[in-house]
């Protein structure tokens, strides 16, 4: 199911035919993807995501984050700082709020 395809296409002001030409499928395929009657293969999903500079997860509705999801890179942290960050990421939202209050 490609929930956000039509939204992205209309925002970019391109026709189904224009998108189809760019990613190498038929206009009818784009129509079917937008109307949820056909699901594209992963190669086509990737091509669509790349064209709109978004993620496959956004296209299929697994996230509301429209921008491309980037890899997280480690900063120049010492081992203790890395452990603190790793532990923080495992905390519940409530515990993160408490830690942030303490830090503030």
C-alpha atoms as a PDB file:
ATOM      1  CA  UNK A   1       0.000   0.000   0.000  1.00  0.00           C
ATOM      2  CA  UNK A   2       1.535   3.322  -1.080  1.00  0.00           C
ATOM      3  CA  UNK A   3      -0.357   5.717   1.183  1.00  0.00           C
ATOM      4  CA  UNK A   4       1.609   8.899   0.500  1.00  0.00           C
ATOM      5  CA  UNK A   5       2.406   8.599  -3.202  1.00  0.00           C
ATOM      6  CA  UNK A   6      -0.402  10.832  -4.465  1.00  0.00           C
ATOM      7  CA  UNK A   7       0.355  13.421  -1.786  1.00  0.00           C
ATOM      8  CA  UNK A   8       4.011  13.598  -2.836  1.00  0.00           C
ATOM      9  CA  UNK A   9       3.210  13.607  -6.549  1.00  0.00           C
ATOM     10  CA  UNK A  10       0.633  16.373  -6.353  1.00  0.00           C
ATOM     11  CA  UNK A  11       2.879  18.463  -4.069  1.00  0.00           C
ATOM     12  CA  UNK A  12       5.632  18.136  -6.684  1.00  0.00           C
ATOM     13  CA  UNK A  13       3.092  19.152  -9.334  1.00  0.00           C
ATOM     14  CA  UNK A  14       3.870  16.241 -11.650  1.00  0.00           C
ATOM     15  CA  UNK A  15       1.472  13.992 -13.504  1.00  0.00           C
ATOM     16  CA  UNK A  16       1.194  10.260 -13.145  1.00  0.00           C
ATOM     17  CA  UNK A  17       2.697   9.945 -16.627  1.00  0.00           C
ATOM     18  CA  UNK A  18       5.702  12.115 -15.732  1.00  0.00           C
ATOM     19  CA  UNK A  19       6.433  10.037 -12.642  1.00  0.00           C
ATOM     20  CA  UNK A  20       5.930   6.821 -14.578  1.00  0.00           C
ATOM     21  CA  UNK A  21       8.430   7.954 -17.212  1.00  0.00           C
ATOM     22  CA  UNK A  22      11.055   8.791 -14.589  1.00  0.00           C
ATOM     23  CA  UNK A  23      10.832   5.501 -12.676  1.00  0.00           C
ATOM     24  CA  UNK A  24      10.203   3.260 -15.684  1.00  0.00           C
ATOM     25  CA  UNK A  25       6.647   2.026 -15.187  1.00  0.00           C
ATOM     26  CA  UNK A  26       3.357   2.748 -16.925  1.00  0.00           C
ATOM     27  CA  UNK A  27       0.969   5.537 -16.010  1.00  0.00           C
ATOM     28  CA  UNK A  28      -1.600   2.854 -15.257  1.00  0.00           C
ATOM     29  CA  UNK A  29       0.766   1.361 -12.670  1.00  0.00           C
ATOM     30  CA  UNK A  30       1.092   4.715 -10.899  1.00  0.00           C
ATOM     31  CA  UNK A  31      -2.697   5.009 -10.905  1.00  0.00           C
ATOM     32  CA  UNK A  32      -3.019   1.535  -9.379  1.00  0.00           C
ATOM     33  CA  UNK A  33      -0.367   2.303  -6.717  1.00  0.00           C
ATOM     34  CA  UNK A  34      -2.201   5.485  -5.721  1.00  0.00           C
ATOM     35  CA  UNK A  35      -5.566   3.773  -5.536  1.00  0.00           C
ATOM     36  CA  UNK A  36      -4.214   0.899  -3.396  1.00  0.00           C
ATOM     37  CA  UNK A  37      -5.236  -1.789  -5.822  1.00  0.00           C
ATOM     38  CA  UNK A  38      -1.654  -2.848  -6.632  1.00  0.00           C
ATOM     39  CA  UNK A  39       1.505  -2.806  -4.544  1.00  0.00           C
ATOM     40  CA  UNK A  40       4.799  -2.063  -6.320  1.00  0.00           C
ATOM     41  CA  UNK A  41       7.858  -4.241  -5.897  1.00  0.00           C
ATOM     42  CA  UNK A  42      10.717  -3.075  -3.665  1.00  0.00           C
ATOM     43  CA  UNK A  43      12.779  -1.812  -6.611  1.00  0.00           C
ATOM     44  CA  UNK A  44       9.900   0.424  -7.710  1.00  0.00           C
ATOM     45  CA  UNK A  45       9.265   1.606  -4.151  1.00  0.00           C
ATOM     46  CA  UNK A  46      12.938   2.486  -3.836  1.00  0.00           C
ATOM     47  CA  UNK A  47      12.883   4.358  -7.154  1.00  0.00           C
ATOM     48  CA  UNK A  48       9.844   6.365  -6.039  1.00  0.00           C
ATOM     49  CA  UNK A  49      11.406   7.126  -2.653  1.00  0.00           C
ATOM     50  CA  UNK A  50      14.646   8.236  -4.304  1.00  0.00           C
ATOM     51  CA  UNK A  51      12.791  10.465  -6.754  1.00  0.00           C
ATOM     52  CA  UNK A  52      10.921  12.259  -3.962  1.00  0.00           C
ATOM     53  CA  UNK A  53      13.937  12.199  -1.610  1.00  0.00           C
ATOM     54  CA  UNK A  54      11.926  10.373   1.036  1.00  0.00           C
ATOM     55  CA  UNK A  55      11.921   6.897   2.569  1.00  0.00           C
ATOM     56  CA  UNK A  56      10.032   3.750   1.647  1.00  0.00           C
ATOM     57  CA  UNK A  57       8.644   3.828   5.207  1.00  0.00           C
ATOM     58  CA  UNK A  58       7.055   7.220   4.509  1.00  0.00           C
ATOM     59  CA  UNK A  59       5.659   6.048   1.181  1.00  0.00           C
ATOM     60  CA  UNK A  60       3.901   3.063   2.733  1.00  0.00           C
ATOM     61  CA  UNK A  61       2.732   4.951   5.816  1.00  0.00           C
ATOM     62  CA  UNK A  62       5.010   3.465   8.487  1.00  0.00           C
ATOM     63  CA  UNK A  63       6.233   6.930   9.500  1.00  0.00           C
ATOM     64  CA  UNK A  64       5.082  10.529   9.300  1.00  0.00           C
ATOM     65  CA  UNK A  65       8.640  11.713   8.716  1.00  0.00           C
ATOM     66  CA  UNK A  66       8.615  12.884   5.111  1.00  0.00           C
ATOM     67  CA  UNK A  67      12.326  13.544   4.751  1.00  0.00           C
ATOM     68  CA  UNK A  68      14.776  10.773   4.008  1.00  0.00           C
ATOM     69  CA  UNK A  69      15.785   8.995   7.201  1.00  0.00           C
ATOM     70  CA  UNK A  70      19.513   9.339   7.653  1.00  0.00           C
ATOM     71  CA  UNK A  71      21.922   7.003   9.351  1.00  0.00           C
ATOM     72  CA  UNK A  72      22.942   7.926  12.867  1.00  0.00           C
ATOM     73  CA  UNK A  73      26.658   8.492  13.172  1.00  0.00           C
ATOM     74  CA  UNK A  74      28.632   8.308  16.365  1.00  0.00           C
ATOM     75  CA  UNK A  75      30.109  11.546  17.587  1.00  0.00           C
ATOM     76  CA  UNK A  76      33.554  11.805  19.049  1.00  0.00           C
ATOM     77  CA  UNK A  77      32.500  10.549  22.452  1.00  0.00           C
ATOM     78  CA  UNK A  78      34.532   8.759  25.020  1.00  0.00           C
ATOM     79  CA  UNK A  79      33.378   5.328  26.198  1.00  0.00           C
ATOM     80  CA  UNK A  80      31.552   6.684  29.249  1.00  0.00           C
ATOM     81  CA  UNK A  81      29.610   9.207  27.138  1.00  0.00           C
ATOM     82  CA  UNK A  82      28.682   6.475  24.666  1.00  0.00           C
ATOM     83  CA  UNK A  83      27.375   4.259  27.491  1.00  0.00           C
ATOM     84  CA  UNK A  84      25.289   7.143  28.885  1.00  0.00           C
ATOM     85  CA  UNK A  85      23.695   7.777  25.487  1.00  0.00           C
ATOM     86  CA  UNK A  86      23.012   4.088  24.911  1.00  0.00           C
ATOM     87  CA  UNK A  87      21.366   3.819  28.348  1.00  0.00           C
ATOM     88  CA  UNK A  88      19.344   7.009  27.741  1.00  0.00           C
ATOM     89  CA  UNK A  89      17.951   5.581  24.490  1.00  0.00           C
ATOM     90  CA  UNK A  90      16.638   2.565  26.420  1.00  0.00           C
ATOM     91  CA  UNK A  91      14.717   4.680  28.955  1.00  0.00           C
ATOM     92  CA  UNK A  92      10.956   5.117  28.931  1.00  0.00           C
ATOM     93  CA  UNK A  93       9.587   8.520  27.878  1.00  0.00           C
ATOM     94  CA  UNK A  94       8.811   9.273  31.522  1.00  0.00           C
ATOM     95  CA  UNK A  95      12.363   8.475  32.618  1.00  0.00           C
ATOM     96  CA  UNK A  96      13.788  10.586  29.769  1.00  0.00           C
ATOM     97  CA  UNK A  97      11.710  13.573  30.956  1.00  0.00           C
ATOM     98  CA  UNK A  98      13.066  13.103  34.489  1.00  0.00           C
ATOM     99  CA  UNK A  99      16.641  12.984  33.221  1.00  0.00           C
ATOM    100  CA  UNK A 100      16.069  16.101  31.122  1.00  0.00           C
ATOM    101  CA  UNK A 101      14.694  17.950  34.154  1.00  0.00           C
ATOM    102  CA  UNK A 102      17.768  16.998  36.157  1.00  0.00           C
ATOM    103  CA  UNK A 103      20.069  18.099  33.339  1.00  0.00           C
ATOM    104  CA  UNK A 104      18.277  21.426  32.954  1.00  0.00           C
END
